[in-house]
């Protein structure tokens, strides 16, 4: 099953930027923070952030940060 890191890795360069910008805009936060989550360097416990990541990626909430 796909998680956020594998989803992000499967995107093209422009798609990665677009995805991170959409998440950052939806959460009113920096794109750099979103990129850290996507690259597996950290994760959030914020339920709203996890829901936005799920909505925009199509990954189930429980799989976003699964290993």
N, C-alpha and C. Protein backbone atom coordinates (compact mmCIF):
# COMPACT_ATOMS: atom_id res chain seq x y z
N UNK A 1 0.86 -1.19 0.00
CA UNK A 1 0.00 0.00 0.00
C UNK A 1 0.90 1.24 0.00
N UNK A 2 0.48 2.23 -0.72
CA UNK A 2 1.25 3.46 -0.87
C UNK A 2 1.15 4.37 0.36
N UNK A 3 2.26 5.01 0.72
CA UNK A 3 2.26 6.03 1.76
C UNK A 3 2.67 7.35 1.13
N UNK A 4 2.76 8.40 1.94
CA UNK A 4 3.07 9.73 1.41
C UNK A 4 4.44 9.76 0.74
N UNK A 5 5.41 9.14 1.35
CA UNK A 5 6.77 9.16 0.79
C UNK A 5 6.83 8.48 -0.58
N UNK A 6 6.19 7.33 -0.71
CA UNK A 6 6.22 6.63 -2.01
C UNK A 6 5.39 7.38 -3.05
N UNK A 7 4.30 7.97 -2.61
CA UNK A 7 3.49 8.78 -3.53
C UNK A 7 4.31 9.95 -4.07
N UNK A 8 4.96 10.67 -3.17
CA UNK A 8 5.76 11.82 -3.54
C UNK A 8 6.89 11.41 -4.49
N UNK A 9 7.53 10.30 -4.19
CA UNK A 9 8.63 9.81 -5.04
C UNK A 9 8.17 9.48 -6.45
N UNK A 10 6.92 9.09 -6.59
CA UNK A 10 6.40 8.69 -7.91
C UNK A 10 6.03 9.90 -8.79
N UNK A 11 5.97 11.08 -8.20
CA UNK A 11 5.59 12.27 -8.95
C UNK A 11 6.77 12.83 -9.75
N UNK A 12 6.46 13.48 -10.84
CA UNK A 12 7.49 14.20 -11.60
C UNK A 12 7.88 15.47 -10.86
N UNK A 13 8.99 16.08 -11.28
CA UNK A 13 9.51 17.25 -10.56
C UNK A 13 8.47 18.37 -10.43
N UNK A 14 7.82 18.73 -11.51
CA UNK A 14 6.81 19.78 -11.46
C UNK A 14 5.61 19.40 -10.62
N UNK A 15 5.24 18.12 -10.67
CA UNK A 15 4.11 17.63 -9.87
C UNK A 15 4.43 17.68 -8.38
N UNK A 16 5.69 17.40 -8.02
CA UNK A 16 6.09 17.46 -6.62
C UNK A 16 5.93 18.87 -6.08
N UNK A 17 6.40 19.84 -6.85
CA UNK A 17 6.29 21.24 -6.44
C UNK A 17 4.83 21.65 -6.31
N UNK A 18 4.03 21.29 -7.29
CA UNK A 18 2.60 21.64 -7.28
C UNK A 18 1.91 21.03 -6.07
N UNK A 19 2.17 19.75 -5.79
CA UNK A 19 1.56 19.08 -4.65
C UNK A 19 1.93 19.78 -3.35
N UNK A 20 3.21 20.05 -3.15
CA UNK A 20 3.66 20.71 -1.91
C UNK A 20 3.07 22.10 -1.77
N UNK A 21 2.97 22.83 -2.87
CA UNK A 21 2.38 24.17 -2.83
C UNK A 21 0.90 24.10 -2.46
N UNK A 22 0.17 23.14 -3.02
CA UNK A 22 -1.25 23.00 -2.71
C UNK A 22 -1.46 22.68 -1.23
N UNK A 23 -0.66 21.76 -0.71
CA UNK A 23 -0.78 21.40 0.71
C UNK A 23 -0.41 22.60 1.58
N UNK A 24 0.70 23.25 1.28
CA UNK A 24 1.14 24.40 2.06
C UNK A 24 0.09 25.52 2.05
N UNK A 25 -0.49 25.79 0.89
CA UNK A 25 -1.53 26.82 0.80
C UNK A 25 -2.76 26.45 1.62
N UNK A 26 -3.16 25.18 1.53
CA UNK A 26 -4.35 24.73 2.27
C UNK A 26 -4.16 24.81 3.77
N UNK A 27 -2.92 24.65 4.22
CA UNK A 27 -2.63 24.65 5.66
C UNK A 27 -2.00 25.94 6.16
N UNK A 28 -1.78 26.90 5.24
CA UNK A 28 -1.15 28.18 5.57
C UNK A 28 0.18 27.96 6.30
N UNK A 29 1.05 27.19 5.64
CA UNK A 29 2.35 26.90 6.21
C UNK A 29 3.39 26.89 5.11
N UNK A 30 4.65 26.70 5.45
CA UNK A 30 5.72 26.75 4.46
C UNK A 30 5.75 25.48 3.61
N UNK A 31 6.15 25.67 2.37
CA UNK A 31 6.31 24.55 1.46
C UNK A 31 7.45 23.65 1.93
N UNK A 32 8.46 24.22 2.56
CA UNK A 32 9.60 23.45 3.06
C UNK A 32 9.17 22.43 4.10
N UNK A 33 8.26 22.82 4.99
CA UNK A 33 7.76 21.88 6.01
C UNK A 33 7.02 20.72 5.35
N UNK A 34 6.21 21.03 4.37
CA UNK A 34 5.47 19.98 3.65
C UNK A 34 6.46 19.06 2.93
N UNK A 35 7.47 19.62 2.32
CA UNK A 35 8.48 18.80 1.62
C UNK A 35 9.19 17.85 2.59
N UNK A 36 9.45 18.29 3.81
CA UNK A 36 10.08 17.41 4.80
C UNK A 36 9.20 16.19 5.09
N UNK A 37 7.89 16.43 5.22
CA UNK A 37 6.97 15.31 5.44
C UNK A 37 7.01 14.36 4.25
N UNK A 38 6.94 14.94 3.05
CA UNK A 38 6.89 14.14 1.83
C UNK A 38 8.14 13.31 1.61
N UNK A 39 9.28 13.83 2.06
CA UNK A 39 10.55 13.12 1.89
C UNK A 39 10.85 12.18 3.06
N UNK A 40 9.97 12.15 4.05
CA UNK A 40 10.14 11.23 5.17
C UNK A 40 11.04 11.73 6.28
N UNK A 41 11.34 13.04 6.30
CA UNK A 41 12.22 13.60 7.32
C UNK A 41 11.49 14.00 8.59
N UNK A 42 10.20 13.87 8.60
CA UNK A 42 9.40 14.22 9.76
C UNK A 42 7.95 13.92 9.46
N UNK A 43 7.12 14.07 10.45
CA UNK A 43 5.69 13.89 10.23
C UNK A 43 4.93 14.77 11.20
N UNK A 44 3.69 15.00 10.87
CA UNK A 44 2.83 15.82 11.71
C UNK A 44 1.80 14.94 12.41
N UNK A 45 1.36 15.41 13.56
CA UNK A 45 0.27 14.74 14.26
C UNK A 45 -1.02 15.53 14.11
N UNK A 46 -0.93 16.67 13.44
CA UNK A 46 -2.08 17.54 13.23
C UNK A 46 -3.10 16.84 12.32
N UNK A 47 -4.29 16.59 12.85
CA UNK A 47 -5.30 15.84 12.10
C UNK A 47 -5.74 16.56 10.83
N UNK A 48 -5.84 17.89 10.89
CA UNK A 48 -6.23 18.64 9.70
C UNK A 48 -5.18 18.48 8.61
N UNK A 49 -3.91 18.56 8.97
CA UNK A 49 -2.83 18.42 8.00
C UNK A 49 -2.85 17.03 7.37
N UNK A 50 -3.05 16.01 8.19
CA UNK A 50 -3.10 14.65 7.67
C UNK A 50 -4.29 14.48 6.74
N UNK A 51 -5.41 15.09 7.08
CA UNK A 51 -6.60 14.99 6.22
C UNK A 51 -6.35 15.68 4.87
N UNK A 52 -5.71 16.85 4.89
CA UNK A 52 -5.40 17.56 3.65
C UNK A 52 -4.46 16.73 2.79
N UNK A 53 -3.43 16.16 3.40
CA UNK A 53 -2.50 15.29 2.67
C UNK A 53 -3.26 14.13 2.02
N UNK A 54 -4.17 13.55 2.77
CA UNK A 54 -4.97 12.44 2.26
C UNK A 54 -5.87 12.88 1.11
N UNK A 55 -6.55 14.00 1.29
CA UNK A 55 -7.47 14.49 0.26
C UNK A 55 -6.75 14.80 -1.05
N UNK A 56 -5.58 15.42 -0.96
CA UNK A 56 -4.87 15.84 -2.17
C UNK A 56 -4.07 14.71 -2.82
N UNK A 57 -3.72 13.69 -2.05
CA UNK A 57 -2.94 12.59 -2.62
C UNK A 57 -3.79 11.36 -2.96
N UNK A 58 -4.93 11.24 -2.31
CA UNK A 58 -5.76 10.06 -2.51
C UNK A 58 -5.35 8.88 -1.64
N UNK A 59 -4.41 9.11 -0.73
CA UNK A 59 -3.94 8.06 0.17
C UNK A 59 -4.83 8.06 1.41
N UNK A 60 -5.26 6.89 1.88
CA UNK A 60 -6.08 6.85 3.11
C UNK A 60 -5.32 7.46 4.29
N UNK A 61 -6.03 8.13 5.16
CA UNK A 61 -5.45 8.82 6.31
C UNK A 61 -4.50 7.92 7.09
N UNK A 62 -4.92 6.70 7.34
CA UNK A 62 -4.11 5.79 8.15
C UNK A 62 -2.83 5.33 7.47
N UNK A 63 -2.70 5.60 6.18
CA UNK A 63 -1.52 5.18 5.42
C UNK A 63 -0.54 6.33 5.14
N UNK A 64 -0.91 7.55 5.45
CA UNK A 64 -0.08 8.71 5.10
C UNK A 64 1.36 8.54 5.59
N UNK A 65 1.55 8.21 6.86
CA UNK A 65 2.90 8.08 7.41
C UNK A 65 3.26 6.64 7.75
N UNK A 66 2.53 5.69 7.18
CA UNK A 66 2.82 4.27 7.44
C UNK A 66 4.18 3.90 6.84
N UNK A 67 4.85 2.97 7.45
CA UNK A 67 6.18 2.53 6.95
C UNK A 67 6.02 1.36 6.02
